């Protein structure tokens, strides 16, 4: 058994206090503000994926399938 195993859940206050203790308040604030200012929600790029992979993840094919002519008489 791991001796560092804790049964009580971690609280956000405890985690933030540890960050400030280890790195300093100004550094923690600077990193938080920088991440909030530069965080962008980007869509994953799927243009490089083959049609087989696109189908596996539930996306439509990148181009429509070829039209097959009806050659019955």
PDB file of N, CA and C in Angstrom:
ATOM      1  N   UNK A   1       0.844  -1.175   0.000  1.00  0.00           N
ATOM      2  CA  UNK A   1       0.000   0.000   0.000  1.00  0.00           C
ATOM      3  C   UNK A   1       0.887   1.234   0.000  1.00  0.00           C
ATOM      4  N   UNK A   2       0.445   2.254  -0.650  1.00  0.00           N
ATOM      5  CA  UNK A   2       1.203   3.492  -0.720  1.00  0.00           C
ATOM      6  C   UNK A   2       1.042   4.272   0.579  1.00  0.00           C
ATOM      7  N   UNK A   3       2.141   4.716   1.123  1.00  0.00           N
ATOM      8  CA  UNK A   3       2.071   5.432   2.401  1.00  0.00           C
ATOM      9  C   UNK A   3       1.557   6.853   2.227  1.00  0.00           C
ATOM     10  N   UNK A   4       1.546   7.370   0.983  1.00  0.00           N
ATOM     11  CA  UNK A   4       1.057   8.734   0.726  1.00  0.00           C
ATOM     12  C   UNK A   4      -0.415   8.760   0.354  1.00  0.00           C
ATOM     13  N   UNK A   5      -1.072   7.653   0.420  1.00  0.00           N
ATOM     14  CA  UNK A   5      -2.472   7.567   0.049  1.00  0.00           C
ATOM     15  C   UNK A   5      -3.337   8.266   1.086  1.00  0.00           C
ATOM     16  N   UNK A   6      -4.183   9.198   0.609  1.00  0.00           N
ATOM     17  CA  UNK A   6      -5.078   9.915   1.518  1.00  0.00           C
ATOM     18  C   UNK A   6      -6.513   9.508   1.210  1.00  0.00           C
ATOM     19  N   UNK A   7      -7.287   9.309   2.242  1.00  0.00           N
ATOM     20  CA  UNK A   7      -8.670   8.896   2.037  1.00  0.00           C
ATOM     21  C   UNK A   7      -9.604  10.084   1.858  1.00  0.00           C
ATOM     22  N   UNK A   8      -9.263  11.240   2.393  1.00  0.00           N
ATOM     23  CA  UNK A   8     -10.136  12.403   2.244  1.00  0.00           C
ATOM     24  C   UNK A   8      -9.864  13.061   0.885  1.00  0.00           C
ATOM     25  N   UNK A   9     -10.895  13.631   0.278  1.00  0.00           N
ATOM     26  CA  UNK A   9     -10.708  14.249  -1.044  1.00  0.00           C
ATOM     27  C   UNK A   9      -9.875  15.534  -0.940  1.00  0.00           C
ATOM     28  N   UNK A  10      -9.175  15.835  -2.018  1.00  0.00           N
ATOM     29  CA  UNK A  10      -8.391  17.070  -2.059  1.00  0.00           C
ATOM     30  C   UNK A  10      -9.325  18.252  -2.270  1.00  0.00           C
ATOM     31  N   UNK A  11      -9.034  19.338  -1.599  1.00  0.00           N
ATOM     32  CA  UNK A  11      -9.833  20.539  -1.757  1.00  0.00           C
ATOM     33  C   UNK A  11      -9.044  21.548  -2.565  1.00  0.00           C
ATOM     34  N   UNK A  12      -9.756  22.371  -3.303  1.00  0.00           N
ATOM     35  CA  UNK A  12      -9.117  23.365  -4.155  1.00  0.00           C
ATOM     36  C   UNK A  12      -8.280  24.341  -3.339  1.00  0.00           C
ATOM     37  N   UNK A  13      -8.759  24.711  -2.178  1.00  0.00           N
ATOM     38  CA  UNK A  13      -8.003  25.636  -1.323  1.00  0.00           C
ATOM     39  C   UNK A  13      -6.645  25.057  -0.947  1.00  0.00           C
ATOM     40  N   UNK A  14      -6.626  23.767  -0.635  1.00  0.00           N
ATOM     41  CA  UNK A  14      -5.359  23.124  -0.269  1.00  0.00           C
ATOM     42  C   UNK A  14      -4.393  23.097  -1.453  1.00  0.00           C
ATOM     43  N   UNK A  15      -4.922  22.820  -2.632  1.00  0.00           N
ATOM     44  CA  UNK A  15      -4.072  22.778  -3.817  1.00  0.00           C
ATOM     45  C   UNK A  15      -3.494  24.144  -4.150  1.00  0.00           C
ATOM     46  N   UNK A  16      -4.320  25.175  -4.055  1.00  0.00           N
ATOM     47  CA  UNK A  16      -3.854  26.532  -4.344  1.00  0.00           C
ATOM     48  C   UNK A  16      -2.835  26.970  -3.292  1.00  0.00           C
ATOM     49  N   UNK A  17      -3.084  26.634  -2.050  1.00  0.00           N
ATOM     50  CA  UNK A  17      -2.111  26.964  -0.999  1.00  0.00           C
ATOM     51  C   UNK A  17      -0.766  26.298  -1.248  1.00  0.00           C
ATOM     52  N   UNK A  18      -0.794  25.039  -1.688  1.00  0.00           N
ATOM     53  CA  UNK A  18       0.461  24.354  -2.011  1.00  0.00           C
ATOM     54  C   UNK A  18       1.180  25.024  -3.177  1.00  0.00           C
ATOM     55  N   UNK A  19       0.426  25.421  -4.199  1.00  0.00           N
ATOM     56  CA  UNK A  19       1.046  26.114  -5.329  1.00  0.00           C
ATOM     57  C   UNK A  19       1.695  27.415  -4.897  1.00  0.00           C
ATOM     58  N   UNK A  20       0.999  28.180  -4.086  1.00  0.00           N
ATOM     59  CA  UNK A  20       1.541  29.467  -3.626  1.00  0.00           C
ATOM     60  C   UNK A  20       2.750  29.244  -2.738  1.00  0.00           C
ATOM     61  N   UNK A  21       2.708  28.234  -1.894  1.00  0.00           N
ATOM     62  CA  UNK A  21       3.848  27.944  -1.028  1.00  0.00           C
ATOM     63  C   UNK A  21       5.076  27.542  -1.840  1.00  0.00           C
ATOM     64  N   UNK A  22       4.879  26.726  -2.854  1.00  0.00           N
ATOM     65  CA  UNK A  22       6.000  26.229  -3.650  1.00  0.00           C
ATOM     66  C   UNK A  22       6.532  27.243  -4.653  1.00  0.00           C
ATOM     67  N   UNK A  23       5.647  28.075  -5.230  1.00  0.00           N
ATOM     68  CA  UNK A  23       6.058  28.925  -6.346  1.00  0.00           C
ATOM     69  C   UNK A  23       5.917  30.422  -6.087  1.00  0.00           C
ATOM     70  N   UNK A  24       5.196  30.807  -5.086  1.00  0.00           N
ATOM     71  CA  UNK A  24       4.999  32.220  -4.802  1.00  0.00           C
ATOM     72  C   UNK A  24       3.695  32.728  -5.378  1.00  0.00           C
ATOM     73  N   UNK A  25       3.111  33.713  -4.706  1.00  0.00           N
ATOM     74  CA  UNK A  25       1.788  34.215  -5.094  1.00  0.00           C
ATOM     75  C   UNK A  25       1.823  34.920  -6.440  1.00  0.00           C
ATOM     76  N   UNK A  26       2.842  35.747  -6.682  1.00  0.00           N
ATOM     77  CA  UNK A  26       2.882  36.509  -7.935  1.00  0.00           C
ATOM     78  C   UNK A  26       3.044  35.604  -9.147  1.00  0.00           C
ATOM     79  N   UNK A  27       3.844  34.562  -9.012  1.00  0.00           N
ATOM     80  CA  UNK A  27       4.026  33.647 -10.137  1.00  0.00           C
ATOM     81  C   UNK A  27       2.731  32.896 -10.433  1.00  0.00           C
ATOM     82  N   UNK A  28       2.023  32.453  -9.399  1.00  0.00           N
ATOM     83  CA  UNK A  28       0.759  31.746  -9.597  1.00  0.00           C
ATOM     84  C   UNK A  28      -0.260  32.668 -10.244  1.00  0.00           C
ATOM     85  N   UNK A  29      -0.367  33.904  -9.777  1.00  0.00           N
ATOM     86  CA  UNK A  29      -1.321  34.853 -10.355  1.00  0.00           C
ATOM     87  C   UNK A  29      -0.953  35.159 -11.804  1.00  0.00           C
ATOM     88  N   UNK A  30       0.337  35.344 -12.075  1.00  0.00           N
ATOM     89  CA  UNK A  30       0.778  35.660 -13.440  1.00  0.00           C
ATOM     90  C   UNK A  30       0.451  34.517 -14.403  1.00  0.00           C
ATOM     91  N   UNK A  31       0.671  33.293 -13.987  1.00  0.00           N
ATOM     92  CA  UNK A  31       0.373  32.153 -14.854  1.00  0.00           C
ATOM     93  C   UNK A  31      -1.126  32.000 -15.068  1.00  0.00           C
ATOM     94  N   UNK A  32      -1.914  32.201 -14.026  1.00  0.00           N
ATOM     95  CA  UNK A  32      -3.370  32.114 -14.172  1.00  0.00           C
ATOM     96  C   UNK A  32      -3.904  33.163 -15.130  1.00  0.00           C
ATOM     97  N   UNK A  33      -3.444  34.399 -14.995  1.00  0.00           N
ATOM     98  CA  UNK A  33      -3.903  35.472 -15.884  1.00  0.00           C
ATOM     99  C   UNK A  33      -3.448  35.210 -17.312  1.00  0.00           C
ATOM    100  N   UNK A  34      -2.215  34.741 -17.493  1.00  0.00           N
ATOM    101  CA  UNK A  34      -1.715  34.446 -18.833  1.00  0.00           C
ATOM    102  C   UNK A  34      -2.530  33.336 -19.487  1.00  0.00           C
ATOM    103  N   UNK A  35      -2.873  32.309 -18.732  1.00  0.00           N
ATOM    104  CA  UNK A  35      -3.677  31.218 -19.291  1.00  0.00           C
ATOM    105  C   UNK A  35      -5.093  31.659 -19.619  1.00  0.00           C
ATOM    106  N   UNK A  36      -5.661  32.508 -18.791  1.00  0.00           N
ATOM    107  CA  UNK A  36      -7.001  33.005 -19.091  1.00  0.00           C
ATOM    108  C   UNK A  36      -6.997  33.903 -20.322  1.00  0.00           C
ATOM    109  N   UNK A  37      -5.936  34.669 -20.503  1.00  0.00           N
ATOM    110  CA  UNK A  37      -5.875  35.596 -21.631  1.00  0.00           C
ATOM    111  C   UNK A  37      -5.588  34.877 -22.943  1.00  0.00           C
ATOM    112  N   UNK A  38      -4.860  33.778 -22.920  1.00  0.00           N
ATOM    113  CA  UNK A  38      -4.454  33.129 -24.162  1.00  0.00           C
ATOM    114  C   UNK A  38      -5.201  31.847 -24.461  1.00  0.00           C
ATOM    115  N   UNK A  39      -6.074  31.435 -23.602  1.00  0.00           N
ATOM    116  CA  UNK A  39      -6.787  30.181 -23.828  1.00  0.00           C
ATOM    117  C   UNK A  39      -7.775  30.356 -24.976  1.00  0.00           C
ATOM    118  N   UNK A  40      -7.669  29.484 -25.947  1.00  0.00           N
ATOM    119  CA  UNK A  40      -8.570  29.508 -27.093  1.00  0.00           C
ATOM    120  C   UNK A  40      -9.212  28.143 -27.227  1.00  0.00           C
ATOM    121  N   UNK A  41     -10.443  28.163 -27.642  1.00  0.00           N
ATOM    122  CA  UNK A  41     -11.131  26.910 -27.920  1.00  0.00           C
ATOM    123  C   UNK A  41     -10.974  26.622 -29.400  1.00  0.00           C
ATOM    124  N   UNK A  42     -10.106  25.690 -29.695  1.00  0.00           N
ATOM    125  CA  UNK A  42      -9.840  25.352 -31.088  1.00  0.00           C
ATOM    126  C   UNK A  42     -10.514  24.038 -31.425  1.00  0.00           C
ATOM    127  N   UNK A  43     -11.032  23.996 -32.624  1.00  0.00           N
ATOM    128  CA  UNK A  43     -11.599  22.752 -33.105  1.00  0.00           C
ATOM    129  C   UNK A  43     -10.461  21.844 -33.538  1.00  0.00           C
ATOM    130  N   UNK A  44     -10.581  20.559 -33.278  1.00  0.00           N
ATOM    131  CA  UNK A  44      -9.525  19.650 -33.718  1.00  0.00           C
ATOM    132  C   UNK A  44      -9.459  19.612 -35.240  1.00  0.00           C
ATOM    133  N   UNK A  45      -8.250  19.533 -35.759  1.00  0.00           N
ATOM    134  CA  UNK A  45      -8.072  19.497 -37.204  1.00  0.00           C
ATOM    135  C   UNK A  45      -8.407  18.108 -37.719  1.00  0.00           C
ATOM    136  N   UNK A  46      -9.304  18.059 -38.679  1.00  0.00           N
ATOM    137  CA  UNK A  46      -9.699  16.774 -39.243  1.00  0.00           C
ATOM    138  C   UNK A  46      -9.452  16.729 -40.742  1.00  0.00           C
ATOM    139  N   UNK A  47      -8.884  17.762 -41.325  1.00  0.00           N
ATOM    140  CA  UNK A  47      -8.698  17.774 -42.771  1.00  0.00           C
ATOM    141  C   UNK A  47      -7.624  16.796 -43.234  1.00  0.00           C
ATOM    142  N   UNK A  48      -6.726  16.383 -42.361  1.00  0.00           N
ATOM    143  CA  UNK A  48      -5.675  15.448 -42.731  1.00  0.00           C
ATOM    144  C   UNK A  48      -6.095  13.987 -42.540  1.00  0.00           C
ATOM    145  N   UNK A  49      -7.274  13.748 -41.981  1.00  0.00           N
ATOM    146  CA  UNK A  49      -7.714  12.387 -41.693  1.00  0.00           C
ATOM    147  C   UNK A  49      -8.280  11.725 -42.946  1.00  0.00           C
ATOM    148  N   UNK A  50      -8.035  10.422 -43.075  1.00  0.00           N
ATOM    149  CA  UNK A  50      -8.622   9.677 -44.185  1.00  0.00           C
ATOM    150  C   UNK A  50     -10.118   9.486 -43.919  1.00  0.00           C
ATOM    151  N   UNK A  51     -10.837   9.123 -44.977  1.00  0.00           N
ATOM    152  CA  UNK A  51     -12.280   8.916 -44.822  1.00  0.00           C
ATOM    153  C   UNK A  51     -12.586   7.748 -43.885  1.00  0.00           C
ATOM    154  N   UNK A  52     -11.700   6.766 -43.816  1.00  0.00           N
ATOM    155  CA  UNK A  52     -11.913   5.644 -42.895  1.00  0.00           C
ATOM    156  C   UNK A  52     -11.846   6.117 -41.442  1.00  0.00           C
ATOM    157  N   UNK A  53     -10.850   6.943 -41.109  1.00  0.00           N
ATOM    158  CA  UNK A  53     -10.753   7.469 -39.743  1.00  0.00           C
ATOM    159  C   UNK A  53     -11.908   8.407 -39.430  1.00  0.00           C
ATOM    160  N   UNK A  54     -12.285   9.220 -40.406  1.00  0.00           N
ATOM    161  CA  UNK A  54     -13.411  10.138 -40.185  1.00  0.00           C
ATOM    162  C   UNK A  54     -14.683   9.351 -39.878  1.00  0.00           C
ATOM    163  N   UNK A  55     -14.908   8.261 -40.602  1.00  0.00           N
ATOM    164  CA  UNK A  55     -16.088   7.438 -40.351  1.00  0.00           C
ATOM    165  C   UNK A  55     -16.020   6.801 -38.963  1.00  0.00           C
ATOM    166  N   UNK A  56     -14.806   6.365 -38.542  1.00  0.00           N
ATOM    167  CA  UNK A  56     -14.650   5.732 -37.232  1.00  0.00           C
ATOM    168  C   UNK A  56     -15.005   6.667 -36.082  1.00  0.00           C
ATOM    169  N   UNK A  57     -14.751   7.975 -36.235  1.00  0.00           N
ATOM    170  CA  UNK A  57     -15.054   8.913 -35.157  1.00  0.00           C
ATOM    171  C   UNK A  57     -16.396   9.614 -35.358  1.00  0.00           C
ATOM    172  N   UNK A  58     -17.150   9.205 -36.385  1.00  0.00           N
ATOM    173  CA  UNK A  58     -18.502   9.724 -36.566  1.00  0.00           C
ATOM    174  C   UNK A  58     -18.604  10.967 -37.416  1.00  0.00           C
ATOM    175  N   UNK A  59     -17.601  11.252 -38.240  1.00  0.00           N
ATOM    176  CA  UNK A  59     -17.635  12.425 -39.117  1.00  0.00           C
ATOM    177  C   UNK A  59     -18.024  12.003 -40.526  1.00  0.00           C
ATOM    178  N   UNK A  60     -18.593  12.929 -41.291  1.00  0.00           N
ATOM    179  CA  UNK A  60     -18.898  12.598 -42.694  1.00  0.00           C
ATOM    180  C   UNK A  60     -17.608  12.546 -43.507  1.00  0.00           C
ATOM    181  N   UNK A  61     -17.649  11.918 -44.688  1.00  0.00           N
ATOM    182  CA  UNK A  61     -16.447  11.875 -45.519  1.00  0.00           C
ATOM    183  C   UNK A  61     -16.048  13.274 -45.973  1.00  0.00           C
ATOM    184  N   UNK A  62     -14.760  13.448 -46.247  1.00  0.00           N
ATOM    185  CA  UNK A  62     -14.269  14.769 -46.639  1.00  0.00           C
ATOM    186  C   UNK A  62     -14.749  15.167 -48.027  1.00  0.00           C
ATOM    187  N   UNK A  63     -15.016  14.217 -48.875  1.00  0.00           N
ATOM    188  CA  UNK A  63     -15.578  14.490 -50.194  1.00  0.00           C
ATOM    189  C   UNK A  63     -16.643  13.440 -50.472  1.00  0.00           C
ATOM    190  N   UNK A  64     -17.640  13.771 -51.289  1.00  0.00           N
ATOM    191  CA  UNK A  64     -18.729  12.820 -51.518  1.00  0.00           C
ATOM    192  C   UNK A  64     -18.223  11.599 -52.288  1.00  0.00           C
ATOM    193  N   UNK A  65     -18.868  10.466 -52.103  1.00  0.00           N
ATOM    194  CA  UNK A  65     -18.447   9.270 -52.827  1.00  0.00           C
ATOM    195  C   UNK A  65     -18.729   9.436 -54.320  1.00  0.00           C
ATOM    196  N   UNK A  66     -18.009   8.712 -55.172  1.00  0.00           N
ATOM    197  CA  UNK A  66     -18.244   8.844 -56.613  1.00  0.00           C
ATOM    198  C   UNK A  66     -19.633   8.338 -56.988  1.00  0.00           C
ATOM    199  N   UNK A  67     -20.184   8.941 -58.000  1.00  0.00           N
ATOM    200  CA  UNK A  67     -21.512   8.558 -58.472  1.00  0.00           C
ATOM    201  C   UNK A  67     -21.363   7.348 -59.383  1.00  0.00           C
ATOM    202  N   UNK A  68     -22.095   6.300 -59.063  1.00  0.00           N
ATOM    203  CA  UNK A  68     -22.069   5.105 -59.891  1.00  0.00           C
ATOM    204  C   UNK A  68     -23.255   5.161 -60.864  1.00  0.00           C
ATOM    205  N   UNK A  69     -22.958   4.989 -62.125  1.00  0.00           N
ATOM    206  CA  UNK A  69     -24.005   5.022 -63.132  1.00  0.00           C
ATOM    207  C   UNK A  69     -24.780   3.699 -63.131  1.00  0.00           C
ATOM    208  N   UNK A  70     -26.045   3.794 -63.369  1.00  0.00           N
ATOM    209  CA  UNK A  70     -26.875   2.598 -63.449  1.00  0.00           C
ATOM    210  C   UNK A  70     -26.716   2.043 -64.851  1.00  0.00           C
ATOM    211  N   UNK A  71     -26.030   0.912 -64.984  1.00  0.00           N
ATOM    212  CA  UNK A  71     -25.731   0.346 -66.288  1.00  0.00           C
ATOM    213  C   UNK A  71     -26.674  -0.800 -66.663  1.00  0.00           C
ATOM    214  N   UNK A  72     -27.798  -0.883 -65.990  1.00  0.00           N
ATOM    215  CA  UNK A  72     -28.775  -1.934 -66.341  1.00  0.00           C
ATOM    216  C   UNK A  72     -29.516  -1.525 -67.607  1.00  0.00           C
ATOM    217  N   UNK A  73     -29.899  -2.530 -68.402  1.00  0.00           N
ATOM    218  CA  UNK A  73     -30.650  -2.238 -69.632  1.00  0.00           C
ATOM    219  C   UNK A  73     -32.096  -2.517 -69.409  1.00  0.00           C
TER     220      UNK A  73
END
